[in-house]
C-alpha atoms as a PDB file:
ATOM      1  CA  UNK A   1      76.208   5.773   1.593  1.00  0.00           C
ATOM      2  CA  UNK A   2      77.558   8.476  -0.682  1.00  0.00           C
ATOM      3  CA  UNK A   3      75.049   9.078  -3.477  1.00  0.00           C
ATOM      4  CA  UNK A   4      76.280  10.750  -6.666  1.00  0.00           C
ATOM      5  CA  UNK A   5      73.868  11.934  -9.369  1.00  0.00           C
ATOM      6  CA  UNK A   6      75.607  12.384 -12.732  1.00  0.00           C
ATOM      7  CA  UNK A   7      73.368  14.864 -14.490  1.00  0.00           C
ATOM      8  CA  UNK A   8      73.217  17.365 -17.327  1.00  0.00           C
ATOM      9  CA  UNK A   9      70.234  18.045 -19.526  1.00  0.00           C
ATOM     10  CA  UNK A  10      72.551  18.459 -22.503  1.00  0.00           C
ATOM     11  CA  UNK A  11      73.263  15.217 -24.305  1.00  0.00           C
ATOM     12  CA  UNK A  12      76.646  14.136 -25.599  1.00  0.00           C
ATOM     13  CA  UNK A  13      78.675  15.542 -22.708  1.00  0.00           C
ATOM     14  CA  UNK A  14      79.910  12.233 -21.309  1.00  0.00           C
ATOM     15  CA  UNK A  15      77.365  11.480 -18.569  1.00  0.00           C
ATOM     16  CA  UNK A  16      77.124   7.737 -19.157  1.00  0.00           C
ATOM     17  CA  UNK A  17      80.847   7.378 -19.856  1.00  0.00           C
ATOM     18  CA  UNK A  18      81.535   9.157 -16.580  1.00  0.00           C
ATOM     19  CA  UNK A  19      78.957   7.214 -14.563  1.00  0.00           C
ATOM     20  CA  UNK A  20      80.157   3.796 -15.780  1.00  0.00           C
ATOM     21  CA  UNK A  21      83.879   4.446 -15.512  1.00  0.00           C
ATOM     22  CA  UNK A  22      83.699   6.372 -12.233  1.00  0.00           C
ATOM     23  CA  UNK A  23      81.704   3.515 -10.714  1.00  0.00           C
ATOM     24  CA  UNK A  24      84.273   1.006 -11.986  1.00  0.00           C
ATOM     25  CA  UNK A  25      87.186   3.099 -10.702  1.00  0.00           C
ATOM     26  CA  UNK A  26      85.570   3.407  -7.264  1.00  0.00           C
ATOM     27  CA  UNK A  27      85.045  -0.367  -7.184  1.00  0.00           C
ATOM     28  CA  UNK A  28      88.690  -0.854  -8.115  1.00  0.00           C
ATOM     29  CA  UNK A  29      89.573   1.275  -5.077  1.00  0.00           C
ATOM     30  CA  UNK A  30      87.821  -1.219  -2.783  1.00  0.00           C
ATOM     31  CA  UNK A  31      84.465   0.557  -2.582  1.00  0.00           C
ATOM     32  CA  UNK A  32      81.205  -1.396  -2.811  1.00  0.00           C
ATOM     33  CA  UNK A  33      79.464   0.462  -5.623  1.00  0.00           C
ATOM     34  CA  UNK A  34      75.903   0.452  -6.948  1.00  0.00           C
ATOM     35  CA  UNK A  35      75.329   1.915 -10.412  1.00  0.00           C
ATOM     36  CA  UNK A  36      71.753   2.995 -11.209  1.00  0.00           C
ATOM     37  CA  UNK A  37      70.928   3.345 -14.900  1.00  0.00           C
ATOM     38  CA  UNK A  38      68.130   5.933 -14.925  1.00  0.00           C
ATOM     39  CA  UNK A  39      68.276   6.609 -18.660  1.00  0.00           C
ATOM     40  CA  UNK A  40      65.743   4.776 -20.901  1.00  0.00           C
ATOM     41  CA  UNK A  41      68.464   4.546 -23.556  1.00  0.00           C
ATOM     42  CA  UNK A  42      70.091   2.011 -21.192  1.00  0.00           C
ATOM     43  CA  UNK A  43      73.593   2.884 -22.334  1.00  0.00           C
ATOM     44  CA  UNK A  44      75.113   2.197 -18.916  1.00  0.00           C
ATOM     45  CA  UNK A  45      73.465  -1.242 -18.966  1.00  0.00           C
ATOM     46  CA  UNK A  46      74.823  -1.949 -22.442  1.00  0.00           C
ATOM     47  CA  UNK A  47      78.228  -0.548 -21.528  1.00  0.00           C
ATOM     48  CA  UNK A  48      78.579  -3.126 -18.768  1.00  0.00           C
ATOM     49  CA  UNK A  49      77.755  -6.056 -21.022  1.00  0.00           C
ATOM     50  CA  UNK A  50      74.000  -6.606 -20.507  1.00  0.00           C
ATOM     51  CA  UNK A  51      71.285  -6.623 -23.172  1.00  0.00           C
ATOM     52  CA  UNK A  52      68.326  -4.497 -21.937  1.00  0.00           C
ATOM     53  CA  UNK A  53      65.886  -6.462 -24.115  1.00  0.00           C
ATOM     54  CA  UNK A  54      66.741  -9.777 -22.432  1.00  0.00           C
ATOM     55  CA  UNK A  55      66.342  -8.714 -18.801  1.00  0.00           C
ATOM     56  CA  UNK A  56      63.348 -10.041 -16.846  1.00  0.00           C
ATOM     57  CA  UNK A  57      63.272  -7.017 -14.513  1.00  0.00           C
ATOM     58  CA  UNK A  58      64.789  -3.562 -14.604  1.00  0.00           C
ATOM     59  CA  UNK A  59      64.537  -0.335 -12.645  1.00  0.00           C
ATOM     60  CA  UNK A  60      61.172   0.226 -14.305  1.00  0.00           C
ATOM     61  CA  UNK A  61      59.611  -2.543 -12.196  1.00  0.00           C
ATOM     62  CA  UNK A  62      61.393  -1.297  -9.062  1.00  0.00           C
ATOM     63  CA  UNK A  63      60.008   2.239  -9.360  1.00  0.00           C
ATOM     64  CA  UNK A  64      56.493   1.425 -10.600  1.00  0.00           C
ATOM     65  CA  UNK A  65      55.591  -1.892  -8.921  1.00  0.00           C
ATOM     66  CA  UNK A  66      55.248  -1.701  -5.114  1.00  0.00           C
ATOM     67  CA  UNK A  67      55.932  -5.425  -4.713  1.00  0.00           C
ATOM     68  CA  UNK A  68      59.304  -5.311  -6.510  1.00  0.00           C
ATOM     69  CA  UNK A  69      62.334  -4.456  -4.388  1.00  0.00           C
ATOM     70  CA  UNK A  70      65.497  -2.836  -5.695  1.00  0.00           C
ATOM     71  CA  UNK A  71      67.426  -5.981  -4.794  1.00  0.00           C
ATOM     72  CA  UNK A  72      65.165  -7.966  -7.163  1.00  0.00           C
ATOM     73  CA  UNK A  73      66.551  -6.170 -10.221  1.00  0.00           C
ATOM     74  CA  UNK A  74      70.256  -5.920  -9.361  1.00  0.00           C
ATOM     75  CA  UNK A  75      72.792  -7.585 -11.652  1.00  0.00           C
ATOM     76  CA  UNK A  76      76.452  -8.476 -11.127  1.00  0.00           C
ATOM     77  CA  UNK A  77      79.124  -7.098 -13.433  1.00  0.00           C
ATOM     78  CA  UNK A  78      82.521  -8.287 -14.598  1.00  0.00           C
ATOM     79  CA  UNK A  79      84.148  -6.060 -12.014  1.00  0.00           C
ATOM     80  CA  UNK A  80      84.184  -7.229  -8.415  1.00  0.00           C
ATOM     81  CA  UNK A  81      82.356  -4.901  -5.989  1.00  0.00           C
ATOM     82  CA  UNK A  82      80.353  -3.228  -8.785  1.00  0.00           C
ATOM     83  CA  UNK A  83      76.598  -3.961  -9.023  1.00  0.00           C
ATOM     84  CA  UNK A  84      74.227  -2.667 -11.699  1.00  0.00           C
ATOM     85  CA  UNK A  85      70.568  -1.671 -11.456  1.00  0.00           C
ATOM     86  CA  UNK A  86      69.735  -1.931 -15.194  1.00  0.00           C
ATOM     87  CA  UNK A  87      67.430   0.061 -17.416  1.00  0.00           C
ATOM     88  CA  UNK A  88      65.471  -0.537 -20.609  1.00  0.00           C
ATOM     89  CA  UNK A  89      63.443   1.530 -23.051  1.00  0.00           C
ATOM     90  CA  UNK A  90      60.242   0.941 -21.060  1.00  0.00           C
ATOM     91  CA  UNK A  91      61.647   3.170 -18.320  1.00  0.00           C
ATOM     92  CA  UNK A  92      60.609   6.087 -20.552  1.00  0.00           C
ATOM     93  CA  UNK A  93      56.994   5.463 -19.511  1.00  0.00           C
ATOM     94  CA  UNK A  94      57.793   5.681 -15.793  1.00  0.00           C
ATOM     95  CA  UNK A  95      57.442   9.477 -15.741  1.00  0.00           C
ATOM     96  CA  UNK A  96      53.882   9.189 -17.054  1.00  0.00           C
ATOM     97  CA  UNK A  97      52.950   6.400 -14.643  1.00  0.00           C
ATOM     98  CA  UNK A  98      54.402   8.263 -11.656  1.00  0.00           C
ATOM     99  CA  UNK A  99      52.986  11.671 -12.581  1.00  0.00           C
ATOM    100  CA  UNK A 100      50.038  11.310 -10.171  1.00  0.00           C
ATOM    101  CA  UNK A 101      51.772   9.248  -7.484  1.00  0.00           C
ATOM    102  CA  UNK A 102      52.056  10.794  -4.035  1.00  0.00           C
ATOM    103  CA  UNK A 103      55.604  11.612  -2.900  1.00  0.00           C
ATOM    104  CA  UNK A 104      56.894  10.586  -6.304  1.00  0.00           C
ATOM    105  CA  UNK A 105      60.031  12.708  -5.912  1.00  0.00           C
ATOM    106  CA  UNK A 106      61.129  10.535  -2.967  1.00  0.00           C
ATOM    107  CA  UNK A 107      60.822   7.213  -4.779  1.00  0.00           C
ATOM    108  CA  UNK A 108      64.531   6.693  -5.420  1.00  0.00           C
ATOM    109  CA  UNK A 109      65.445   7.781  -1.921  1.00  0.00           C
ATOM    110  CA  UNK A 110      63.144   5.138  -0.493  1.00  0.00           C
ATOM    111  CA  UNK A 111      64.579   2.475  -2.813  1.00  0.00           C
ATOM    112  CA  UNK A 112      68.141   3.356  -1.870  1.00  0.00           C
ATOM    113  CA  UNK A 113      67.268   3.335   1.816  1.00  0.00           C
ATOM    114  CA  UNK A 114      66.758  -0.423   1.584  1.00  0.00           C
ATOM    115  CA  UNK A 115      70.331  -1.057   0.343  1.00  0.00           C
ATOM    116  CA  UNK A 116      72.346   1.731   1.925  1.00  0.00           C
ATOM    117  CA  UNK A 117      74.064  -0.659   4.356  1.00  0.00           C
ATOM    118  CA  UNK A 118      75.329  -2.844   1.493  1.00  0.00           C
ATOM    119  CA  UNK A 119      77.117  -0.179  -0.550  1.00  0.00           C
ATOM    120  CA  UNK A 120      79.614   2.582   0.091  1.00  0.00           C
ATOM    121  CA  UNK A 121      78.784   4.609  -3.012  1.00  0.00           C
ATOM    122  CA  UNK A 122      75.816   4.836  -5.375  1.00  0.00           C
ATOM    123  CA  UNK A 123      76.344   6.405  -8.806  1.00  0.00           C
ATOM    124  CA  UNK A 124      73.209   7.391 -10.750  1.00  0.00           C
ATOM    125  CA  UNK A 125      73.363   7.872 -14.516  1.00  0.00           C
ATOM    126  CA  UNK A 126      70.509  10.289 -15.192  1.00  0.00           C
ATOM    127  CA  UNK A 127      68.669  10.898 -18.448  1.00  0.00           C
ATOM    128  CA  UNK A 128      69.363  14.140 -20.376  1.00  0.00           C
ATOM    129  CA  UNK A 129      66.106  15.682 -19.170  1.00  0.00           C
ATOM    130  CA  UNK A 130      64.563  16.789 -15.907  1.00  0.00           C
ATOM    131  CA  UNK A 131      61.762  14.257 -15.610  1.00  0.00           C
ATOM    132  CA  UNK A 132      60.480  12.728 -12.387  1.00  0.00           C
ATOM    133  CA  UNK A 133      63.287  10.164 -12.126  1.00  0.00           C
ATOM    134  CA  UNK A 134      66.018  12.762 -12.597  1.00  0.00           C
ATOM    135  CA  UNK A 135      64.390  15.058 -10.022  1.00  0.00           C
ATOM    136  CA  UNK A 136      64.046  12.095  -7.676  1.00  0.00           C
ATOM    137  CA  UNK A 137      67.749  11.324  -8.157  1.00  0.00           C
ATOM    138  CA  UNK A 138      68.682  14.903  -7.293  1.00  0.00           C
ATOM    139  CA  UNK A 139      66.467  14.879  -4.194  1.00  0.00           C
ATOM    140  CA  UNK A 140      68.102  11.641  -3.013  1.00  0.00           C
ATOM    141  CA  UNK A 141      71.660  12.637  -3.847  1.00  0.00           C
ATOM    142  CA  UNK A 142      74.363  13.799  -1.497  1.00  0.00           C
ATOM    143  CA  UNK A 143      76.538  14.868  -4.440  1.00  0.00           C
ATOM    144  CA  UNK A 144      75.826  16.114  -7.949  1.00  0.00           C
ATOM    145  CA  UNK A 145      78.414  15.731 -10.702  1.00  0.00           C
ATOM    146  CA  UNK A 146      77.841  17.764 -13.845  1.00  0.00           C
ATOM    147  CA  UNK A 147      79.963  16.647 -16.812  1.00  0.00           C
ATOM    148  CA  UNK A 148      80.601  19.700 -18.969  1.00  0.00           C
ATOM    149  CA  UNK A 149      82.175  19.681 -22.397  1.00  0.00           C
ATOM    150  CA  UNK A 150      84.253  22.850 -22.954  1.00  0.00           C
ATOM    151  CA  UNK A 151      81.799  24.247 -25.499  1.00  0.00           C
ATOM    152  CA  UNK A 152      79.578  27.284 -25.160  1.00  0.00           C
ATOM    153  CA  UNK A 153      76.305  25.336 -25.411  1.00  0.00           C
ATOM    154  CA  UNK A 154      77.406  23.189 -22.472  1.00  0.00           C
ATOM    155  CA  UNK A 155      77.619  26.304 -20.317  1.00  0.00           C
ATOM    156  CA  UNK A 156      73.943  26.967 -20.946  1.00  0.00           C
ATOM    157  CA  UNK A 157      73.183  23.366 -19.911  1.00  0.00           C
ATOM    158  CA  UNK A 158      75.156  23.872 -16.700  1.00  0.00           C
ATOM    159  CA  UNK A 159      73.118  26.964 -15.923  1.00  0.00           C
ATOM    160  CA  UNK A 160      69.884  24.949 -16.216  1.00  0.00           C
ATOM    161  CA  UNK A 161      71.230  22.354 -13.794  1.00  0.00           C
ATOM    162  CA  UNK A 162      72.068  25.060 -11.258  1.00  0.00           C
ATOM    163  CA  UNK A 163      68.609  26.573 -11.579  1.00  0.00           C
ATOM    164  CA  UNK A 164      66.964  23.168 -11.111  1.00  0.00           C
ATOM    165  CA  UNK A 165      69.013  22.428  -7.990  1.00  0.00           C
ATOM    166  CA  UNK A 166      67.968  25.768  -6.506  1.00  0.00           C
ATOM    167  CA  UNK A 167      64.305  24.933  -7.079  1.00  0.00           C
ATOM    168  CA  UNK A 168      64.734  21.464  -5.569  1.00  0.00           C
ATOM    169  CA  UNK A 169      66.234  22.946  -2.417  1.00  0.00           C
ATOM    170  CA  UNK A 170      63.366  25.387  -2.082  1.00  0.00           C
ATOM    171  CA  UNK A 171      60.716  22.665  -2.304  1.00  0.00           C
ATOM    172  CA  UNK A 172      62.421  19.685  -0.722  1.00  0.00           C
ATOM    173  CA  UNK A 173      65.128  19.161   1.847  1.00  0.00           C
ATOM    174  CA  UNK A 174      67.465  22.202   1.729  1.00  0.00           C
ATOM    175  CA  UNK A 175      70.571  20.015   1.534  1.00  0.00           C
ATOM    176  CA  UNK A 176      69.412  17.702  -1.227  1.00  0.00           C
ATOM    177  CA  UNK A 177      72.080  17.703  -3.924  1.00  0.00           C
ATOM    178  CA  UNK A 178      74.326  19.152  -1.253  1.00  0.00           C
ATOM    179  CA  UNK A 179      77.696  19.053  -3.000  1.00  0.00           C
ATOM    180  CA  UNK A 180      77.780  20.295  -6.572  1.00  0.00           C
ATOM    181  CA  UNK A 181      80.882  19.640  -8.648  1.00  0.00           C
ATOM    182  CA  UNK A 182      81.688  20.313 -12.294  1.00  0.00           C
ATOM    183  CA  UNK A 183      83.701  17.795 -14.325  1.00  0.00           C
ATOM    184  CA  UNK A 184      85.360  18.922 -17.546  1.00  0.00           C
ATOM    185  CA  UNK A 185      84.955  16.164 -20.147  1.00  0.00           C
ATOM    186  CA  UNK A 186      85.840  15.579 -23.807  1.00  0.00           C
ATOM    187  CA  UNK A 187      88.615  18.120 -23.447  1.00  0.00           C
ATOM    188  CA  UNK A 188      90.860  18.910 -26.406  1.00  0.00           C
ATOM    189  CA  UNK A 189      94.003  20.667 -25.215  1.00  0.00           C
ATOM    190  CA  UNK A 190      94.950  21.633 -28.763  1.00  0.00           C
ATOM    191  CA  UNK A 191      92.045  24.046 -29.277  1.00  0.00           C
ATOM    192  CA  UNK A 192      92.043  27.635 -28.104  1.00  0.00           C
ATOM    193  CA  UNK A 193      88.328  27.441 -27.256  1.00  0.00           C
ATOM    194  CA  UNK A 194      88.813  24.470 -24.930  1.00  0.00           C
ATOM    195  CA  UNK A 195      91.686  26.131 -23.072  1.00  0.00           C
ATOM    196  CA  UNK A 196      89.841  29.417 -22.657  1.00  0.00           C
ATOM    197  CA  UNK A 197      86.665  27.782 -21.338  1.00  0.00           C
ATOM    198  CA  UNK A 198      88.680  25.711 -18.866  1.00  0.00           C
ATOM    199  CA  UNK A 199      90.310  28.852 -17.502  1.00  0.00           C
ATOM    200  CA  UNK A 200      87.005  30.736 -17.196  1.00  0.00           C
ATOM    201  CA  UNK A 201      85.145  27.838 -15.566  1.00  0.00           C
ATOM    202  CA  UNK A 202      87.847  27.480 -12.917  1.00  0.00           C
ATOM    203  CA  UNK A 203      87.796  31.226 -12.284  1.00  0.00           C
ATOM    204  CA  UNK A 204      84.015  31.247 -11.920  1.00  0.00           C
ATOM    205  CA  UNK A 205      83.460  28.098  -9.839  1.00  0.00           C
ATOM    206  CA  UNK A 206      86.796  27.718  -8.061  1.00  0.00           C
ATOM    207  CA  UNK A 207      87.157  24.453  -6.140  1.00  0.00           C
ATOM    208  CA  UNK A 208      83.727  23.255  -7.292  1.00  0.00           C
ATOM    209  CA  UNK A 209      85.480  22.177 -10.501  1.00  0.00           C
ATOM    210  CA  UNK A 210      87.185  18.809 -10.237  1.00  0.00           C
ATOM    211  CA  UNK A 211      90.904  19.144 -10.713  1.00  0.00           C
ATOM    212  CA  UNK A 212      90.828  15.943 -12.758  1.00  0.00           C
ATOM    213  CA  UNK A 213      90.064  16.563 -16.427  1.00  0.00           C
ATOM    214  CA  UNK A 214      88.731  13.870 -18.794  1.00  0.00           C
ATOM    215  CA  UNK A 215      90.302  14.247 -22.219  1.00  0.00           C
ATOM    216  CA  UNK A 216      88.865  13.059 -25.499  1.00  0.00           C
ATOM    217  CA  UNK A 217      90.216   9.523 -25.855  1.00  0.00           C
ATOM    218  CA  UNK A 218      89.341   6.939 -28.480  1.00  0.00           C
ATOM    219  CA  UNK A 219      89.600   4.066 -25.987  1.00  0.00           C
ATOM    220  CA  UNK A 220      86.689   5.570 -24.046  1.00  0.00           C
ATOM    221  CA  UNK A 221      84.605   5.330 -27.226  1.00  0.00           C
ATOM    222  CA  UNK A 222      85.657   1.753 -27.922  1.00  0.00           C
ATOM    223  CA  UNK A 223      85.062   0.292 -24.444  1.00  0.00           C
ATOM    224  CA  UNK A 224      81.199   0.212 -24.565  1.00  0.00           C
ATOM    225  CA  UNK A 225      81.291  -1.930 -27.720  1.00  0.00           C
ATOM    226  CA  UNK A 226      83.133  -4.561 -25.687  1.00  0.00           C
ATOM    227  CA  UNK A 227      80.636  -4.316 -22.839  1.00  0.00           C
ATOM    228  CA  UNK A 228      83.403  -3.247 -20.463  1.00  0.00           C
ATOM    229  CA  UNK A 229      84.489  -0.216 -18.492  1.00  0.00           C
ATOM    230  CA  UNK A 230      87.659   1.529 -19.601  1.00  0.00           C
ATOM    231  CA  UNK A 231      89.463  -0.008 -16.619  1.00  0.00           C
ATOM    232  CA  UNK A 232      88.855  -3.511 -17.995  1.00  0.00           C
ATOM    233  CA  UNK A 233      89.101  -2.683 -21.690  1.00  0.00           C
ATOM    234  CA  UNK A 234      92.242  -0.523 -21.699  1.00  0.00           C
ATOM    235  CA  UNK A 235      93.579  -0.283 -18.131  1.00  0.00           C
ATOM    236  CA  UNK A 236      96.713   1.630 -19.142  1.00  0.00           C
ATOM    237  CA  UNK A 237      94.998   4.136 -21.430  1.00  0.00           C
ATOM    238  CA  UNK A 238      94.800   7.824 -20.659  1.00  0.00           C
ATOM    239  CA  UNK A 239      91.050   7.513 -20.064  1.00  0.00           C
ATOM    240  CA  UNK A 240      91.562   4.787 -17.446  1.00  0.00           C
ATOM    241  CA  UNK A 241      94.218   6.816 -15.655  1.00  0.00           C
ATOM    242  CA  UNK A 242      91.999   9.899 -15.579  1.00  0.00           C
ATOM    243  CA  UNK A 243      88.944   8.074 -14.212  1.00  0.00           C
ATOM    244  CA  UNK A 244      91.141   6.504 -11.531  1.00  0.00           C
ATOM    245  CA  UNK A 245      92.275  10.012 -10.625  1.00  0.00           C
ATOM    246  CA  UNK A 246      88.654  11.201 -10.560  1.00  0.00           C
ATOM    247  CA  UNK A 247      87.657   8.341  -8.237  1.00  0.00           C
ATOM    248  CA  UNK A 248      90.536   9.196  -5.926  1.00  0.00           C
ATOM    249  CA  UNK A 249      89.424  12.832  -5.907  1.00  0.00           C
ATOM    250  CA  UNK A 250      85.840  11.842  -5.106  1.00  0.00           C
ATOM    251  CA  UNK A 251      87.211   9.888  -2.142  1.00  0.00           C
ATOM    252  CA  UNK A 252      89.146  12.934  -0.939  1.00  0.00           C
ATOM    253  CA  UNK A 253      92.582  12.588  -2.549  1.00  0.00           C
ATOM    254  CA  UNK A 254      93.077  15.758  -4.569  1.00  0.00           C
ATOM    255  CA  UNK A 255      95.542  15.612  -7.483  1.00  0.00           C
ATOM    256  CA  UNK A 256      97.526  18.534  -8.786  1.00  0.00           C
ATOM    257  CA  UNK A 257      95.492  20.765 -11.080  1.00  0.00           C
ATOM    258  CA  UNK A 258      96.491  20.880 -14.726  1.00  0.00           C
ATOM    259  CA  UNK A 259      97.906  24.164 -15.919  1.00  0.00           C
ATOM    260  CA  UNK A 260      96.066  25.596 -18.904  1.00  0.00           C
ATOM    261  CA  UNK A 261      97.608  28.248 -21.095  1.00  0.00           C
ATOM    262  CA  UNK A 262      95.651  31.468 -21.358  1.00  0.00           C
ATOM    263  CA  UNK A 263      97.293  33.397 -24.164  1.00  0.00           C
ATOM    264  CA  UNK A 264      96.681  32.708 -27.830  1.00  0.00           C
ATOM    265  CA  UNK A 265      96.673  34.622 -31.075  1.00  0.00           C
ATOM    266  CA  UNK A 266      93.413  32.942 -32.123  1.00  0.00           C
ATOM    267  CA  UNK A 267      89.974  34.295 -31.279  1.00  0.00           C
ATOM    268  CA  UNK A 268      88.498  31.464 -29.207  1.00  0.00           C
ATOM    269  CA  UNK A 269      85.406  32.227 -27.127  1.00  0.00           C
ATOM    270  CA  UNK A 270      83.848  35.644 -27.678  1.00  0.00           C
ATOM    271  CA  UNK A 271      81.895  35.990 -24.446  1.00  0.00           C
ATOM    272  CA  UNK A 272      82.723  36.208 -20.759  1.00  0.00           C
ATOM    273  CA  UNK A 273      81.092  33.119 -19.239  1.00  0.00           C
ATOM    274  CA  UNK A 274      80.504  34.875 -15.906  1.00  0.00           C
ATOM    275  CA  UNK A 275      77.626  36.708 -17.634  1.00  0.00           C
ATOM    276  CA  UNK A 276      75.800  33.363 -17.905  1.00  0.00           C
ATOM    277  CA  UNK A 277      76.078  32.474 -14.207  1.00  0.00           C
ATOM    278  CA  UNK A 278      76.084  35.931 -12.613  1.00  0.00           C
ATOM    279  CA  UNK A 279      72.516  35.853 -11.280  1.00  0.00           C
ATOM    280  CA  UNK A 280      72.489  32.325  -9.908  1.00  0.00           C
ATOM    281  CA  UNK A 281      72.182  31.367  -6.256  1.00  0.00           C
ATOM    282  CA  UNK A 282      71.704  27.631  -5.989  1.00  0.00           C
ATOM    283  CA  UNK A 283      73.008  26.387  -2.679  1.00  0.00           C
ATOM    284  CA  UNK A 284      75.794  24.292  -4.174  1.00  0.00           C
ATOM    285  CA  UNK A 285      78.858  23.814  -2.005  1.00  0.00           C
ATOM    286  CA  UNK A 286      82.321  22.367  -2.503  1.00  0.00           C
ATOM    287  CA  UNK A 287      82.832  19.015  -0.834  1.00  0.00           C
ATOM    288  CA  UNK A 288      84.144  19.011   2.701  1.00  0.00           C
ATOM    289  CA  UNK A 289      87.353  17.202   1.706  1.00  0.00           C
ATOM    290  CA  UNK A 290      88.364  19.881  -0.752  1.00  0.00           C
ATOM    291  CA  UNK A 291      89.849  23.237   0.062  1.00  0.00           C
ATOM    292  CA  UNK A 292      87.316  26.052  -0.340  1.00  0.00           C
ATOM    293  CA  UNK A 293      88.464  28.722  -2.723  1.00  0.00           C
ATOM    294  CA  UNK A 294      86.571  30.995  -5.054  1.00  0.00           C
ATOM    295  CA  UNK A 295      87.612  32.749  -8.193  1.00  0.00           C
ATOM    296  CA  UNK A 296      85.444  35.555  -9.502  1.00  0.00           C
ATOM    297  CA  UNK A 297      83.042  35.514  -6.529  1.00  0.00           C
ATOM    298  CA  UNK A 298      80.211  33.743  -8.345  1.00  0.00           C
ATOM    299  CA  UNK A 299      81.094  30.464  -6.641  1.00  0.00           C
ATOM    300  CA  UNK A 300      80.650  32.200  -3.306  1.00  0.00           C
ATOM    301  CA  UNK A 301      77.133  33.200  -4.305  1.00  0.00           C
ATOM    302  CA  UNK A 302      76.360  29.593  -5.221  1.00  0.00           C
ATOM    303  CA  UNK A 303      76.087  28.610  -1.554  1.00  0.00           C
ATOM    304  CA  UNK A 304      73.338  27.762   0.920  1.00  0.00           C
ATOM    305  CA  UNK A 305      71.306  30.700   2.135  1.00  0.00           C
ATOM    306  CA  UNK A 306      71.618  31.088   5.936  1.00  0.00           C
ATOM    307  CA  UNK A 307      67.864  31.090   6.248  1.00  0.00           C
ATOM    308  CA  UNK A 308      67.605  27.699   4.577  1.00  0.00           C
ATOM    309  CA  UNK A 309      70.201  25.532   6.282  1.00  0.00           C
ATOM    310  CA  UNK A 310      72.006  27.534   8.891  1.00  0.00           C
ATOM    311  CA  UNK A 311      75.087  27.683   6.666  1.00  0.00           C
ATOM    312  CA  UNK A 312      76.584  31.025   5.816  1.00  0.00           C
ATOM    313  CA  UNK A 313      77.775  31.806   2.346  1.00  0.00           C
ATOM    314  CA  UNK A 314      81.150  30.254   1.716  1.00  0.00           C
ATOM    315  CA  UNK A 315      83.983  32.436   0.543  1.00  0.00           C
ATOM    316  CA  UNK A 316      83.489  34.774   3.512  1.00  0.00           C
ATOM    317  CA  UNK A 317      85.787  32.962   5.931  1.00  0.00           C
ATOM    318  CA  UNK A 318      83.013  30.914   7.563  1.00  0.00           C
ATOM    319  CA  UNK A 319      83.130  27.126   7.565  1.00  0.00           C
ATOM    320  CA  UNK A 320      79.844  25.320   6.828  1.00  0.00           C
ATOM    321  CA  UNK A 321      78.018  23.771   9.749  1.00  0.00           C
ATOM    322  CA  UNK A 322      77.296  20.055   9.976  1.00  0.00           C
ATOM    323  CA  UNK A 323      73.964  19.845   8.197  1.00  0.00           C
ATOM    324  CA  UNK A 324      72.313  16.488   7.596  1.00  0.00           C
ATOM    325  CA  UNK A 325      73.204  15.186   4.180  1.00  0.00           C
ATOM    326  CA  UNK A 326      70.692  13.629   1.756  1.00  0.00           C
ATOM    327  CA  UNK A 327      72.414  10.268   1.837  1.00  0.00           C
ATOM    328  CA  UNK A 328      71.383  10.035   5.500  1.00  0.00           C
ATOM    329  CA  UNK A 329      67.861  11.421   5.132  1.00  0.00           C
ATOM    330  CA  UNK A 330      64.965   9.693   6.867  1.00  0.00           C
ATOM    331  CA  UNK A 331      62.621   9.534   3.908  1.00  0.00           C
ATOM    332  CA  UNK A 332      59.669   8.437   6.040  1.00  0.00           C
ATOM    333  CA  UNK A 333      60.032  11.632   8.034  1.00  0.00           C
ATOM    334  CA  UNK A 334      60.462  13.617   4.831  1.00  0.00           C
ATOM    335  CA  UNK A 335      57.201  12.239   3.466  1.00  0.00           C
ATOM    336  CA  UNK A 336      55.327  13.305   6.575  1.00  0.00           C
ATOM    337  CA  UNK A 337      56.965  16.731   6.708  1.00  0.00           C
ATOM    338  CA  UNK A 338      56.454  17.534   3.050  1.00  0.00           C
ATOM    339  CA  UNK A 339      53.044  15.930   2.565  1.00  0.00           C
ATOM    340  CA  UNK A 340      51.225  19.244   2.810  1.00  0.00           C
ATOM    341  CA  UNK A 341      53.309  20.599  -0.034  1.00  0.00           C
ATOM    342  CA  UNK A 342      53.227  17.726  -2.480  1.00  0.00           C
ATOM    343  CA  UNK A 343      51.351  14.698  -1.162  1.00  0.00           C
ATOM    344  CA  UNK A 344      48.956  15.022  -4.073  1.00  0.00           C
ATOM    345  CA  UNK A 345      50.239  15.640  -7.598  1.00  0.00           C
ATOM    346  CA  UNK A 346      49.358  18.862  -9.408  1.00  0.00           C
ATOM    347  CA  UNK A 347      45.797  18.756 -10.708  1.00  0.00           C
ATOM    348  CA  UNK A 348      45.111  19.520 -14.309  1.00  0.00           C
ATOM    349  CA  UNK A 349      42.749  22.348 -14.957  1.00  0.00           C
ATOM    350  CA  UNK A 350      39.255  21.181 -15.830  1.00  0.00           C
ATOM    351  CA  UNK A 351      36.238  22.883 -17.233  1.00  0.00           C
ATOM    352  CA  UNK A 352      33.591  23.354 -14.476  1.00  0.00           C
ATOM    353  CA  UNK A 353      30.656  21.014 -14.825  1.00  0.00           C
END
């Protein structure tokens, strides 16, 4: 099962819109899809027509109550082949309740293990913070999708995601969050700033940037109020067409990249974005279906260290080796292997008696 974590600690960049509509587009392309709403705001749950306050069980019970299985909380949706694991505001307390649980970072991986034969793809809508559930989603993921609005502040958010993924690989399985991809969202082609950031991001990260671009579209804003994905609400809109293209790209069908003009008489962005990402080394790799190419060389440095996974740095003419991907991890083995490192939660400092 392909497991995609949609994550960015910056809010307002289109995470939930992307998670809901990507899941719907994948289901439309004959994939059995599970959507996990890991955000206490429960916007993905609301966006698919369910009221979080009226649900008897949500993901909160699945992650905190040992007797509740993931299948006990799953809900059908209006779209065939798409199933929802809903959220509610009480999920905000899960981080506190799990803070002293052993192997808490593997909790989602163990839940997904029980349903991996029923679904082709799992999409996880993560909260805009790096709490236990978001870290657990990254540990369990085979792919990480980072929606990035073409604004300068979003670049800083992307840097934090890259740093977090590097730390996760150092502590947990080295190929957790194995494939990192950047998705440009809320794009306005009319602005000089948007065009310049698009050009720089593609130069920096090369093929790690999805060729599909999600433009700012009013239909995408209207669809959640109807409790529908954009594919049901406005199937012929630009937003629906772009999320269909994104789903096809996720499945390995790469569309033609949009050309973005570089020249302009206006000022636009005043800083070279490569300065933000120059020191990073996270272990992120382009997906195997997509042609490996790098722009400024920074994308080549964002690759697995040979000492960690046996993969050499991409961009040097060496193809990655067939490392085990997180979607196929044996989480029981992982618990045993990593127990010495994190079987017990960090202890708070106490004053000696």
